[in-house]
Amino acid sequence: MVMDLDRFKEVNDTLGHFHGDIVLQRIGSRLQNMLRPEEVVARMGGDEFAIVLPDIEDPQLARRVAKRILKSLEDPISVSGLALQVEAS
């Protein structure tokens, strides 16, 4: 799967790249913590992440994983005392 953060440019423009990088690191950690050991998350560049699910052949199961990942992003990410709401597609 490939995931792109929605309106992430606004984070960089408003808070600066340093804080944007913190947001990306926290999202990456959050995603990795949701996956099994054989599954991989990687930042492809910018605000895009790839999620490799090697043992999933059923598209319905992949959809459930995608929904679970999107649900995990509903919790705000705290950066320098600010609670940021992050959405992805």
PDB file of N, CA and C in Angstrom:
ATOM      1  N   MET A   1       0.842  -1.168   0.000  1.00  0.00           N
ATOM      2  CA  MET A   1       0.000   0.000   0.000  1.00  0.00           C
ATOM      3  C   MET A   1       0.889   1.233   0.000  1.00  0.00           C
ATOM      4  N   VAL A   2       0.363   2.299  -0.560  1.00  0.00           N
ATOM      5  CA  VAL A   2       1.054   3.584  -0.518  1.00  0.00           C
ATOM      6  C   VAL A   2       0.122   4.582   0.156  1.00  0.00           C
ATOM      7  N   MET A   3       0.665   5.332   1.094  1.00  0.00           N
ATOM      8  CA  MET A   3      -0.130   6.276   1.872  1.00  0.00           C
ATOM      9  C   MET A   3       0.494   7.658   1.755  1.00  0.00           C
ATOM     10  N   ASP A   4      -0.333   8.639   1.540  1.00  0.00           N
ATOM     11  CA  ASP A   4       0.098  10.024   1.418  1.00  0.00           C
ATOM     12  C   ASP A   4      -0.611  10.830   2.507  1.00  0.00           C
ATOM     13  N   LEU A   5       0.131  11.673   3.205  1.00  0.00           N
ATOM     14  CA  LEU A   5      -0.476  12.509   4.236  1.00  0.00           C
ATOM     15  C   LEU A   5      -1.177  13.689   3.579  1.00  0.00           C
ATOM     16  N   ASP A   6      -2.381  13.953   4.011  1.00  0.00           N
ATOM     17  CA  ASP A   6      -3.164  15.051   3.453  1.00  0.00           C
ATOM     18  C   ASP A   6      -2.736  16.376   4.085  1.00  0.00           C
ATOM     19  N   ARG A   7      -2.556  17.379   3.263  1.00  0.00           N
ATOM     20  CA  ARG A   7      -2.241  18.756   3.691  1.00  0.00           C
ATOM     21  C   ARG A   7      -0.992  18.838   4.581  1.00  0.00           C
ATOM     22  N   PHE A   8      -0.033  17.950   4.371  1.00  0.00           N
ATOM     23  CA  PHE A   8       1.169  17.982   5.204  1.00  0.00           C
ATOM     24  C   PHE A   8       2.005  19.236   4.947  1.00  0.00           C
ATOM     25  N   LYS A   9       1.920  19.773   3.752  1.00  0.00           N
ATOM     26  CA  LYS A   9       2.648  21.003   3.418  1.00  0.00           C
ATOM     27  C   LYS A   9       2.308  22.114   4.405  1.00  0.00           C
ATOM     28  N   GLU A  10       1.054  22.133   4.861  1.00  0.00           N
ATOM     29  CA  GLU A  10       0.625  23.146   5.836  1.00  0.00           C
ATOM     30  C   GLU A  10       1.397  23.018   7.154  1.00  0.00           C
ATOM     31  N   VAL A  11       1.718  21.800   7.547  1.00  0.00           N
ATOM     32  CA  VAL A  11       2.500  21.593   8.773  1.00  0.00           C
ATOM     33  C   VAL A  11       3.879  22.210   8.603  1.00  0.00           C
ATOM     34  N   ASN A  12       4.542  21.900   7.487  1.00  0.00           N
ATOM     35  CA  ASN A  12       5.868  22.461   7.236  1.00  0.00           C
ATOM     36  C   ASN A  12       5.824  23.984   7.112  1.00  0.00           C
ATOM     37  N   ASP A  13       4.821  24.483   6.407  1.00  0.00           N
ATOM     38  CA  ASP A  13       4.726  25.929   6.200  1.00  0.00           C
ATOM     39  C   ASP A  13       4.437  26.673   7.497  1.00  0.00           C
ATOM     40  N   THR A  14       3.649  26.074   8.368  1.00  0.00           N
ATOM     41  CA  THR A  14       3.251  26.738   9.607  1.00  0.00           C
ATOM     42  C   THR A  14       4.255  26.537  10.735  1.00  0.00           C
ATOM     43  N   LEU A  15       4.720  25.307  10.919  1.00  0.00           N
ATOM     44  CA  LEU A  15       5.584  24.979  12.056  1.00  0.00           C
ATOM     45  C   LEU A  15       7.057  24.846  11.694  1.00  0.00           C
ATOM     46  N   GLY A  16       7.355  24.752  10.409  1.00  0.00           N
ATOM     47  CA  GLY A  16       8.740  24.581   9.968  1.00  0.00           C
ATOM     48  C   GLY A  16       9.075  23.125   9.734  1.00  0.00           C
ATOM     49  N   HIS A  17      10.146  22.914   8.977  1.00  0.00           N
ATOM     50  CA  HIS A  17      10.542  21.557   8.595  1.00  0.00           C
ATOM     51  C   HIS A  17      11.003  20.718   9.783  1.00  0.00           C
ATOM     52  N   PHE A  18      11.599  21.339  10.773  1.00  0.00           N
ATOM     53  CA  PHE A  18      12.034  20.590  11.956  1.00  0.00           C
ATOM     54  C   PHE A  18      10.845  19.885  12.601  1.00  0.00           C
ATOM     55  N   HIS A  19       9.766  20.634  12.828  1.00  0.00           N
ATOM     56  CA  HIS A  19       8.585  20.037  13.448  1.00  0.00           C
ATOM     57  C   HIS A  19       7.865  19.091  12.491  1.00  0.00           C
ATOM     58  N   GLY A  20       7.924  19.401  11.188  1.00  0.00           N
ATOM     59  CA  GLY A  20       7.357  18.487  10.202  1.00  0.00           C
ATOM     60  C   GLY A  20       8.058  17.143  10.232  1.00  0.00           C
ATOM     61  N   ASP A  21       9.386  17.172  10.389  1.00  0.00           N
ATOM     62  CA  ASP A  21      10.136  15.916  10.484  1.00  0.00           C
ATOM     63  C   ASP A  21       9.749  15.125  11.728  1.00  0.00           C
ATOM     64  N   ILE A  22       9.494  15.812  12.819  1.00  0.00           N
ATOM     65  CA  ILE A  22       9.048  15.127  14.043  1.00  0.00           C
ATOM     66  C   ILE A  22       7.708  14.433  13.792  1.00  0.00           C
ATOM     67  N   VAL A  23       6.800  15.126  13.123  1.00  0.00           N
ATOM     68  CA  VAL A  23       5.498  14.532  12.804  1.00  0.00           C
ATOM     69  C   VAL A  23       5.691  13.275  11.957  1.00  0.00           C
ATOM     70  N   LEU A  24       6.552  13.354  10.943  1.00  0.00           N
ATOM     71  CA  LEU A  24       6.800  12.191  10.084  1.00  0.00           C
ATOM     72  C   LEU A  24       7.388  11.024  10.863  1.00  0.00           C
ATOM     73  N   GLN A  25       8.310  11.302  11.769  1.00  0.00           N
ATOM     74  CA  GLN A  25       8.907  10.249  12.586  1.00  0.00           C
ATOM     75  C   GLN A  25       7.858   9.594  13.476  1.00  0.00           C
ATOM     76  N   ARG A  26       6.996  10.395  14.058  1.00  0.00           N
ATOM     77  CA  ARG A  26       5.966   9.836  14.947  1.00  0.00           C
ATOM     78  C   ARG A  26       4.935   9.028  14.175  1.00  0.00           C
ATOM     79  N   ILE A  27       4.608   9.479  12.989  1.00  0.00           N
ATOM     80  CA  ILE A  27       3.683   8.703  12.157  1.00  0.00           C
ATOM     81  C   ILE A  27       4.331   7.382  11.758  1.00  0.00           C
ATOM     82  N   GLY A  28       5.593   7.430  11.347  1.00  0.00           N
ATOM     83  CA  GLY A  28       6.298   6.206  10.993  1.00  0.00           C
ATOM     84  C   GLY A  28       6.333   5.210  12.139  1.00  0.00           C
ATOM     85  N   SER A  29       6.608   5.703  13.338  1.00  0.00           N
ATOM     86  CA  SER A  29       6.628   4.824  14.519  1.00  0.00           C
ATOM     87  C   SER A  29       5.245   4.255  14.803  1.00  0.00           C
ATOM     88  N   ARG A  30       4.246   5.095  14.694  1.00  0.00           N
ATOM     89  CA  ARG A  30       2.873   4.640  14.944  1.00  0.00           C
ATOM     90  C   ARG A  30       2.485   3.548  13.947  1.00  0.00           C
ATOM     91  N   LEU A  31       2.837   3.754  12.692  1.00  0.00           N
ATOM     92  CA  LEU A  31       2.522   2.747  11.677  1.00  0.00           C
ATOM     93  C   LEU A  31       3.274   1.448  11.937  1.00  0.00           C
ATOM     94  N   GLN A  32       4.568   1.551  12.229  1.00  0.00           N
ATOM     95  CA  GLN A  32       5.364   0.348  12.463  1.00  0.00           C
ATOM     96  C   GLN A  32       4.842  -0.441  13.659  1.00  0.00           C
ATOM     97  N   ASN A  33       4.397   0.252  14.686  1.00  0.00           N
ATOM     98  CA  ASN A  33       3.871  -0.422  15.874  1.00  0.00           C
ATOM     99  C   ASN A  33       2.581  -1.180  15.598  1.00  0.00           C
ATOM    100  N   MET A  34       1.895  -0.842  14.526  1.00  0.00           N
ATOM    101  CA  MET A  34       0.645  -1.526  14.180  1.00  0.00           C
ATOM    102  C   MET A  34       0.876  -2.792  13.365  1.00  0.00           C
ATOM    103  N   LEU A  35       2.065  -2.935  12.818  1.00  0.00           N
ATOM    104  CA  LEU A  35       2.319  -4.030  11.887  1.00  0.00           C
ATOM    105  C   LEU A  35       2.964  -5.233  12.563  1.00  0.00           C
ATOM    106  N   ARG A  36       2.838  -6.375  11.905  1.00  0.00           N
ATOM    107  CA  ARG A  36       3.505  -7.591  12.366  1.00  0.00           C
ATOM    108  C   ARG A  36       4.987  -7.502  11.999  1.00  0.00           C
ATOM    109  N   PRO A  37       5.834  -8.306  12.640  1.00  0.00           N
ATOM    110  CA  PRO A  37       7.283  -8.221  12.376  1.00  0.00           C
ATOM    111  C   PRO A  37       7.670  -8.393  10.906  1.00  0.00           C
ATOM    112  N   GLU A  38       6.938  -9.204  10.159  1.00  0.00           N
ATOM    113  CA  GLU A  38       7.289  -9.430   8.758  1.00  0.00           C
ATOM    114  C   GLU A  38       6.777  -8.327   7.819  1.00  0.00           C
ATOM    115  N   GLU A  39       5.993  -7.402   8.349  1.00  0.00           N
ATOM    116  CA  GLU A  39       5.474  -6.298   7.549  1.00  0.00           C
ATOM    117  C   GLU A  39       6.377  -5.078   7.725  1.00  0.00           C
ATOM    118  N   VAL A  40       6.417  -4.250   6.697  1.00  0.00           N
ATOM    119  CA  VAL A  40       7.385  -3.153   6.679  1.00  0.00           C
ATOM    120  C   VAL A  40       6.695  -1.840   6.323  1.00  0.00           C
ATOM    121  N   VAL A  41       7.111  -0.783   6.997  1.00  0.00           N
ATOM    122  CA  VAL A  41       6.697   0.568   6.603  1.00  0.00           C
ATOM    123  C   VAL A  41       7.963   1.344   6.270  1.00  0.00           C
ATOM    124  N   ALA A  42       7.906   2.109   5.199  1.00  0.00           N
ATOM    125  CA  ALA A  42       9.061   2.907   4.784  1.00  0.00           C
ATOM    126  C   ALA A  42       8.577   4.252   4.266  1.00  0.00           C
ATOM    127  N   ARG A  43       9.310   5.279   4.600  1.00  0.00           N
ATOM    128  CA  ARG A  43       9.003   6.592   4.047  1.00  0.00           C
ATOM    129  C   ARG A  43       9.633   6.656   2.663  1.00  0.00           C
ATOM    130  N   MET A  44       8.805   6.925   1.675  1.00  0.00           N
ATOM    131  CA  MET A  44       9.278   6.955   0.297  1.00  0.00           C
ATOM    132  C   MET A  44       9.885   8.313  -0.054  1.00  0.00           C
ATOM    133  N   GLY A  45       9.481   9.321   0.652  1.00  0.00           N
ATOM    134  CA  GLY A  45       9.938  10.670   0.392  1.00  0.00           C
ATOM    135  C   GLY A  45       8.808  11.634   0.669  1.00  0.00           C
ATOM    136  N   GLY A  46       9.149  12.851   0.982  1.00  0.00           N
ATOM    137  CA  GLY A  46       8.106  13.830   1.272  1.00  0.00           C
ATOM    138  C   GLY A  46       7.199  13.323   2.370  1.00  0.00           C
ATOM    139  N   ASP A  47       5.932  13.221   2.067  1.00  0.00           N
ATOM    140  CA  ASP A  47       4.945  12.754   3.056  1.00  0.00           C
ATOM    141  C   ASP A  47       4.294  11.448   2.614  1.00  0.00           C
ATOM    142  N   GLU A  48       5.031  10.652   1.853  1.00  0.00           N
ATOM    143  CA  GLU A  48       4.523   9.375   1.376  1.00  0.00           C
ATOM    144  C   GLU A  48       5.183   8.214   2.105  1.00  0.00           C
ATOM    145  N   PHE A  49       4.356   7.240   2.465  1.00  0.00           N
ATOM    146  CA  PHE A  49       4.827   6.026   3.112  1.00  0.00           C
ATOM    147  C   PHE A  49       4.382   4.825   2.297  1.00  0.00           C
ATOM    148  N   ALA A  50       5.232   3.817   2.235  1.00  0.00           N
ATOM    149  CA  ALA A  50       4.867   2.529   1.641  1.00  0.00           C
ATOM    150  C   ALA A  50       4.723   1.529   2.776  1.00  0.00           C
ATOM    151  N   ILE A  51       3.715   0.695   2.679  1.00  0.00           N
ATOM    152  CA  ILE A  51       3.475  -0.336   3.684  1.00  0.00           C
ATOM    153  C   ILE A  51       3.420  -1.672   2.944  1.00  0.00           C
ATOM    154  N   VAL A  52       4.354  -2.547   3.275  1.00  0.00           N
ATOM    155  CA  VAL A  52       4.459  -3.841   2.601  1.00  0.00           C
ATOM    156  C   VAL A  52       3.857  -4.909   3.507  1.00  0.00           C
ATOM    157  N   LEU A  53       2.860  -5.608   2.979  1.00  0.00           N
ATOM    158  CA  LEU A  53       2.166  -6.679   3.694  1.00  0.00           C
ATOM    159  C   LEU A  53       2.378  -7.964   2.900  1.00  0.00           C
ATOM    160  N   PRO A  54       3.513  -8.642   3.085  1.00  0.00           N
ATOM    161  CA  PRO A  54       3.894  -9.739   2.201  1.00  0.00           C
ATOM    162  C   PRO A  54       2.987 -10.969   2.230  1.00  0.00           C
ATOM    163  N   ASP A  55       2.295 -11.221   3.320  1.00  0.00           N
ATOM    164  CA  ASP A  55       1.516 -12.454   3.420  1.00  0.00           C
ATOM    165  C   ASP A  55       0.021 -12.251   3.200  1.00  0.00           C
ATOM    166  N   ILE A  56      -0.372 -11.078   2.766  1.00  0.00           N
ATOM    167  CA  ILE A  56      -1.799 -10.816   2.583  1.00  0.00           C
ATOM    168  C   ILE A  56      -2.145 -10.935   1.107  1.00  0.00           C
ATOM    169  N   GLU A  57      -2.958 -11.934   0.804  1.00  0.00           N
ATOM    170  CA  GLU A  57      -3.387 -12.144  -0.575  1.00  0.00           C
ATOM    171  C   GLU A  57      -4.842 -11.734  -0.784  1.00  0.00           C
ATOM    172  N   ASP A  58      -5.607 -11.679   0.286  1.00  0.00           N
ATOM    173  CA  ASP A  58      -7.024 -11.353   0.212  1.00  0.00           C
ATOM    174  C   ASP A  58      -7.209  -9.829   0.216  1.00  0.00           C
ATOM    175  N   PRO A  59      -7.792  -9.264  -0.837  1.00  0.00           N
ATOM    176  CA  PRO A  59      -7.994  -7.815  -0.880  1.00  0.00           C
ATOM    177  C   PRO A  59      -8.837  -7.289   0.281  1.00  0.00           C
ATOM    178  N   GLN A  60      -9.773  -8.092   0.754  1.00  0.00           N
ATOM    179  CA  GLN A  60     -10.605  -7.658   1.888  1.00  0.00           C
ATOM    180  C   GLN A  60      -9.762  -7.476   3.142  1.00  0.00           C
ATOM    181  N   LEU A  61      -8.811  -8.355   3.359  1.00  0.00           N
ATOM    182  CA  LEU A  61      -7.933  -8.249   4.515  1.00  0.00           C
ATOM    183  C   LEU A  61      -7.050  -7.000   4.388  1.00  0.00           C
ATOM    184  N   ALA A  62      -6.570  -6.744   3.188  1.00  0.00           N
ATOM    185  CA  ALA A  62      -5.762  -5.543   2.959  1.00  0.00           C
ATOM    186  C   ALA A  62      -6.588  -4.286   3.238  1.00  0.00           C
ATOM    187  N   ARG A  63      -7.851  -4.296   2.850  1.00  0.00           N
ATOM    188  CA  ARG A  63      -8.737  -3.149   3.139  1.00  0.00           C
ATOM    189  C   ARG A  63      -8.908  -2.959   4.642  1.00  0.00           C
ATOM    190  N   ARG A  64      -9.056  -4.058   5.362  1.00  0.00           N
ATOM    191  CA  ARG A  64      -9.205  -3.952   6.826  1.00  0.00           C
ATOM    192  C   ARG A  64      -7.948  -3.372   7.450  1.00  0.00           C
ATOM    193  N   VAL A  65      -6.784  -3.787   6.976  1.00  0.00           N
ATOM    194  CA  VAL A  65      -5.527  -3.236   7.483  1.00  0.00           C
ATOM    195  C   VAL A  65      -5.466  -1.737   7.178  1.00  0.00           C
ATOM    196  N   ALA A  66      -5.845  -1.358   5.960  1.00  0.00           N
ATOM    197  CA  ALA A  66      -5.822   0.055   5.580  1.00  0.00           C
ATOM    198  C   ALA A  66      -6.750   0.871   6.469  1.00  0.00           C
ATOM    199  N   LYS A  67      -7.933   0.357   6.741  1.00  0.00           N
ATOM    200  CA  LYS A  67      -8.871   1.067   7.619  1.00  0.00           C
ATOM    201  C   LYS A  67      -8.311   1.197   9.029  1.00  0.00           C
ATOM    202  N   ARG A  68      -7.657   0.133   9.515  1.00  0.00           N
ATOM    203  CA  ARG A  68      -7.052   0.173  10.848  1.00  0.00           C
ATOM    204  C   ARG A  68      -5.938   1.222  10.896  1.00  0.00           C
ATOM    205  N   ILE A  69      -5.159   1.307   9.841  1.00  0.00           N
ATOM    206  CA  ILE A  69      -4.087   2.295   9.780  1.00  0.00           C
ATOM    207  C   ILE A  69      -4.675   3.708   9.794  1.00  0.00           C
ATOM    208  N   LEU A  70      -5.687   3.954   8.960  1.00  0.00           N
ATOM    209  CA  LEU A  70      -6.309   5.279   8.937  1.00  0.00           C
ATOM    210  C   LEU A  70      -6.926   5.623  10.291  1.00  0.00           C
ATOM    211  N   LYS A  71      -7.517   4.634  10.938  1.00  0.00           N
ATOM    212  CA  LYS A  71      -8.115   4.842  12.271  1.00  0.00           C
ATOM    213  C   LYS A  71      -7.036   5.247  13.279  1.00  0.00           C
ATOM    214  N   SER A  72      -5.853   4.642  13.167  1.00  0.00           N
ATOM    215  CA  SER A  72      -4.779   4.951  14.116  1.00  0.00           C
ATOM    216  C   SER A  72      -4.310   6.400  13.991  1.00  0.00           C
ATOM    217  N   LEU A  73      -4.519   6.993  12.836  1.00  0.00           N
ATOM    218  CA  LEU A  73      -4.104   8.379  12.633  1.00  0.00           C
ATOM    219  C   LEU A  73      -5.118   9.384  13.184  1.00  0.00           C
ATOM    220  N   GLU A  74      -6.262   8.887  13.656  1.00  0.00           N
ATOM    221  CA  GLU A  74      -7.266   9.790  14.219  1.00  0.00           C
ATOM    222  C   GLU A  74      -6.806  10.411  15.533  1.00  0.00           C
ATOM    223  N   ASP A  75      -5.946   9.714  16.263  1.00  0.00           N
ATOM    224  CA  ASP A  75      -5.422  10.281  17.504  1.00  0.00           C
ATOM    225  C   ASP A  75      -4.428  11.382  17.153  1.00  0.00           C
ATOM    226  N   PRO A  76      -4.575  12.557  17.765  1.00  0.00           N
ATOM    227  CA  PRO A  76      -3.669  13.664  17.442  1.00  0.00           C
ATOM    228  C   PRO A  76      -2.209  13.333  17.766  1.00  0.00           C
ATOM    229  N   ILE A  77      -1.321  13.999  17.065  1.00  0.00           N
ATOM    230  CA  ILE A  77       0.114  13.881  17.306  1.00  0.00           C
ATOM    231  C   ILE A  77       0.547  15.158  17.994  1.00  0.00           C
ATOM    232  N   SER A  78       1.181  15.027  19.151  1.00  0.00           N
ATOM    233  CA  SER A  78       1.619  16.185  19.920  1.00  0.00           C
ATOM    234  C   SER A  78       3.020  16.602  19.496  1.00  0.00           C
ATOM    235  N   VAL A  79       3.150  17.879  19.126  1.00  0.00           N
ATOM    236  CA  VAL A  79       4.439  18.443  18.733  1.00  0.00           C
ATOM    237  C   VAL A  79       4.548  19.823  19.370  1.00  0.00           C
ATOM    238  N   SER A  80       5.534  19.978  20.232  1.00  0.00           N
ATOM    239  CA  SER A  80       5.781  21.263  20.907  1.00  0.00           C
ATOM    240  C   SER A  80       4.523  21.821  21.562  1.00  0.00           C
ATOM    241  N   GLY A  81       3.787  20.948  22.206  1.00  0.00           N
ATOM    242  CA  GLY A  81       2.595  21.370  22.926  1.00  0.00           C
ATOM    243  C   GLY A  81       1.359  21.547  22.063  1.00  0.00           C
ATOM    244  N   LEU A  82       1.471  21.311  20.780  1.00  0.00           N
ATOM    245  CA  LEU A  82       0.324  21.405  19.876  1.00  0.00           C
ATOM    246  C   LEU A  82      -0.167  20.013  19.543  1.00  0.00           C
ATOM    247  N   ALA A  83      -1.481  19.852  19.512  1.00  0.00           N
ATOM    248  CA  ALA A  83      -2.087  18.580  19.111  1.00  0.00           C
ATOM    249  C   ALA A  83      -2.468  18.699  17.646  1.00  0.00           C
ATOM    250  N   LEU A  84      -1.765  17.963  16.799  1.00  0.00           N
ATOM    251  CA  LEU A  84      -1.996  18.026  15.354  1.00  0.00           C
ATOM    252  C   LEU A  84      -2.837  16.851  14.889  1.00  0.00           C
ATOM    253  N   GLN A  85      -3.854  17.154  14.130  1.00  0.00           N
ATOM    254  CA  GLN A  85      -4.701  16.117  13.533  1.00  0.00           C
ATOM    255  C   GLN A  85      -4.134  15.802  12.150  1.00  0.00           C
ATOM    256  N   VAL A  86      -3.791  14.547  11.922  1.00  0.00           N
ATOM    257  CA  VAL A  86      -3.189  14.134  10.666  1.00  0.00           C
ATOM    258  C   VAL A  86      -4.148  13.185   9.965  1.00  0.00           C
ATOM    259  N   GLU A  87      -4.344  13.423   8.673  1.00  0.00           N
ATOM    260  CA  GLU A  87      -5.169  12.544   7.858  1.00  0.00           C
ATOM    261  C   GLU A  87      -4.339  12.036   6.689  1.00  0.00           C
ATOM    262  N   ALA A  88      -4.744  10.900   6.158  1.00  0.00           N
ATOM    263  CA  ALA A  88      -3.994  10.307   5.054  1.00  0.00           C
ATOM    264  C   ALA A  88      -4.963   9.706   4.040  1.00  0.00           C
ATOM    265  N   SER A  89      -4.428   9.470   2.859  1.00  0.00           N
ATOM    266  CA  SER A  89      -5.205   8.800   1.821  1.00  0.00           C
ATOM    267  C   SER A  89      -4.262   7.870   1.064  1.00  0.00           C
TER     268      SER A  89
END
